[in-house]
Amino acid sequence: MKSHLYHIQLNIDFANRDFYKELMEFMGWSVIFEKPESTIGFRSETNGDLWFIHADHQEDTDYDARGMNHIAIRVENQADINQIQAHLESNGVKMLFGTPLHRPEFASKEGETYYQIMFESPDKILWEIVYIGAKCG
């Protein structure tokens, strides 16, 4: 049997739609479906889709509770992390957990790094953007 990730649905306050659209397009994802009042779907060039759907219920997220902890997007270049960080911070988004941070203990091979940023979206969804590869600079 073979399988792959098809999509992830994130329920959001659709007043925050522009935040997600700008972020996803900045990272090179394409809009594949859009219903302006309730739904927007994005596709990466590699695999899987992310769907943002309007949610009526408002509850806070506890990152240590059971359930999803965070969404991780992997980029191909270490410099991409810094560009995304600058883009987010220019829009008032703060980095969390001391990131950006090199985490070689999470790298796949010796001599590589796991370089990450982590931040919270307006809907309190925890995001990680990560580069895994040769440490540059």
Protein backbone atom coordinates (compact mmCIF):
# COMPACT_ATOMS: atom_id res chain seq x y z
CA MET A 1 0.00 0.00 0.00
CA LYS A 2 1.17 3.54 -0.73
CA SER A 3 -0.26 6.71 0.72
CA HIS A 4 0.62 10.37 1.04
CA LEU A 5 -0.61 13.46 2.80
CA TYR A 6 -3.52 14.87 0.83
CA HIS A 7 -4.53 17.95 2.82
CA ILE A 8 -4.82 19.60 6.20
CA GLN A 9 -7.78 21.79 7.09
CA LEU A 10 -7.30 24.68 9.49
CA ASN A 11 -10.39 26.31 10.93
CA ILE A 12 -9.83 30.05 11.30
CA ASP A 13 -11.55 33.36 11.86
CA PHE A 14 -11.92 34.38 8.21
CA ALA A 15 -11.20 37.99 9.15
CA ASN A 16 -7.58 36.71 9.27
CA ARG A 17 -7.75 35.28 5.73
CA ASP A 18 -5.36 37.88 4.29
CA PHE A 19 -2.64 36.93 6.80
CA TYR A 20 -2.66 33.32 5.58
CA LYS A 21 -3.00 34.22 1.91
CA GLU A 22 -0.04 36.60 2.07
CA LEU A 23 2.11 34.10 4.02
CA MET A 24 1.34 31.13 1.78
CA GLU A 25 1.88 33.06 -1.44
CA PHE A 26 5.12 34.54 -0.01
CA MET A 27 6.34 30.96 0.55
CA GLY A 28 5.46 29.96 -3.02
CA TRP A 29 2.15 28.14 -2.48
CA SER A 30 -0.58 28.57 -5.11
CA VAL A 31 -4.28 29.23 -4.52
CA ILE A 32 -6.24 26.25 -5.87
CA PHE A 33 -9.71 27.22 -4.65
CA GLU A 34 -11.18 30.34 -3.15
CA LYS A 35 -14.61 31.19 -1.84
CA PRO A 36 -14.00 34.72 -0.44
CA GLU A 37 -16.37 34.46 2.52
CA SER A 38 -15.41 31.03 3.82
CA THR A 39 -12.70 28.95 2.12
CA ILE A 40 -9.23 29.21 0.58
CA GLY A 41 -7.03 26.27 -0.42
CA PHE A 42 -3.32 26.28 -1.28
CA ARG A 43 -1.03 23.74 -2.95
CA SER A 44 2.72 23.46 -2.65
CA GLU A 45 4.90 22.34 -5.54
CA THR A 46 5.87 19.15 -3.71
CA ASN A 47 2.95 17.56 -1.85
CA GLY A 48 -0.16 18.20 0.16
CA ASP A 49 -2.63 21.05 0.34
CA LEU A 50 -3.55 23.41 3.16
CA TRP A 51 -7.16 24.55 3.43
CA PHE A 52 -8.30 27.49 5.56
CA ILE A 53 -11.98 27.34 6.45
CA HIS A 54 -14.11 29.86 8.36
CA ALA A 55 -14.91 28.64 11.87
CA ASP A 56 -17.73 29.99 13.99
CA HIS A 57 -16.42 28.55 17.28
CA GLN A 58 -13.74 30.49 19.16
CA GLU A 59 -11.55 28.49 21.57
CA ASP A 60 -7.99 29.03 22.70
CA THR A 61 -5.34 26.46 21.84
CA ASP A 62 -3.27 24.73 24.50
CA TYR A 63 -0.06 23.56 22.77
CA ASP A 64 0.58 21.00 25.51
CA ALA A 65 -2.88 19.43 25.25
CA ARG A 66 -3.67 16.40 23.12
CA GLY A 67 -4.19 17.08 19.45
CA MET A 68 -2.21 18.94 16.88
CA ASN A 69 0.74 20.93 18.20
CA HIS A 70 1.99 22.79 15.13
CA ILE A 71 2.21 22.95 11.33
CA ALA A 72 5.73 22.64 9.90
CA ILE A 73 6.71 23.83 6.43
CA ARG A 74 10.14 22.87 5.11
CA VAL A 75 12.07 25.26 2.85
CA GLU A 76 14.99 24.48 0.55
CA ASN A 77 17.45 27.21 1.58
CA GLN A 78 18.64 28.49 4.93
CA ALA A 79 18.25 32.06 3.65
CA ASP A 80 14.52 31.39 3.13
CA ILE A 81 14.09 31.19 6.90
CA ASN A 82 15.54 34.66 7.35
CA GLN A 83 13.39 36.09 4.54
CA ILE A 84 10.21 34.61 5.99
CA GLN A 85 11.16 35.84 9.46
CA ALA A 86 11.73 39.37 8.13
CA HIS A 87 8.41 39.25 6.25
CA LEU A 88 6.51 38.12 9.34
CA GLU A 89 8.18 40.58 11.71
CA SER A 90 7.49 43.45 9.30
CA ASN A 91 3.82 42.50 9.78
CA GLY A 92 4.08 42.50 13.57
CA VAL A 93 4.45 38.72 14.06
CA LYS A 94 6.85 37.77 16.86
CA MET A 95 9.10 34.72 16.77
CA LEU A 96 8.62 32.23 19.63
CA PHE A 97 10.83 29.89 21.68
CA GLY A 98 14.08 31.77 20.99
CA THR A 99 13.90 31.25 17.24
CA PRO A 100 15.48 31.61 14.76
CA LEU A 101 17.55 28.78 16.10
CA HIS A 102 19.91 26.10 14.78
CA ARG A 103 18.95 22.67 16.17
CA PRO A 104 21.61 20.24 14.89
CA GLU A 105 20.23 17.56 17.24
CA PHE A 106 17.19 17.33 14.95
CA ALA A 107 19.18 17.16 11.69
CA SER A 108 19.08 13.99 9.62
CA LYS A 109 22.85 13.64 9.25
CA GLU A 110 26.02 14.76 10.95
CA GLY A 111 27.21 18.07 9.53
CA GLU A 112 23.68 19.27 8.84
CA THR A 113 21.57 21.72 10.75
CA TYR A 114 17.89 22.02 11.54
CA TYR A 115 17.27 25.78 11.35
CA GLN A 116 13.83 26.94 12.39
CA ILE A 117 11.52 29.78 13.22
CA MET A 118 8.32 29.33 15.18
CA PHE A 119 5.44 31.77 15.43
CA GLU A 120 1.76 31.98 16.19
CA SER A 121 -0.79 33.02 13.58
CA PRO A 122 -3.66 35.40 14.41
CA ASP A 123 -5.82 32.32 15.15
CA LYS A 124 -3.24 31.02 17.65
CA ILE A 125 -2.08 28.23 15.33
CA LEU A 126 1.55 27.38 16.01
CA TRP A 127 3.76 27.32 12.87
CA GLU A 128 7.29 26.15 12.25
CA ILE A 129 9.29 26.99 9.14
CA VAL A 130 12.38 24.81 8.90
CA TYR A 131 15.48 24.29 6.78
CA ILE A 132 17.38 21.00 7.07
CA GLY A 133 20.73 20.82 5.33
CA ALA A 134 24.24 22.20 5.30
CA LYS A 135 24.72 25.06 7.73
CA CYS A 136 25.43 28.26 5.83
CA GLY A 137 27.19 31.20 7.44
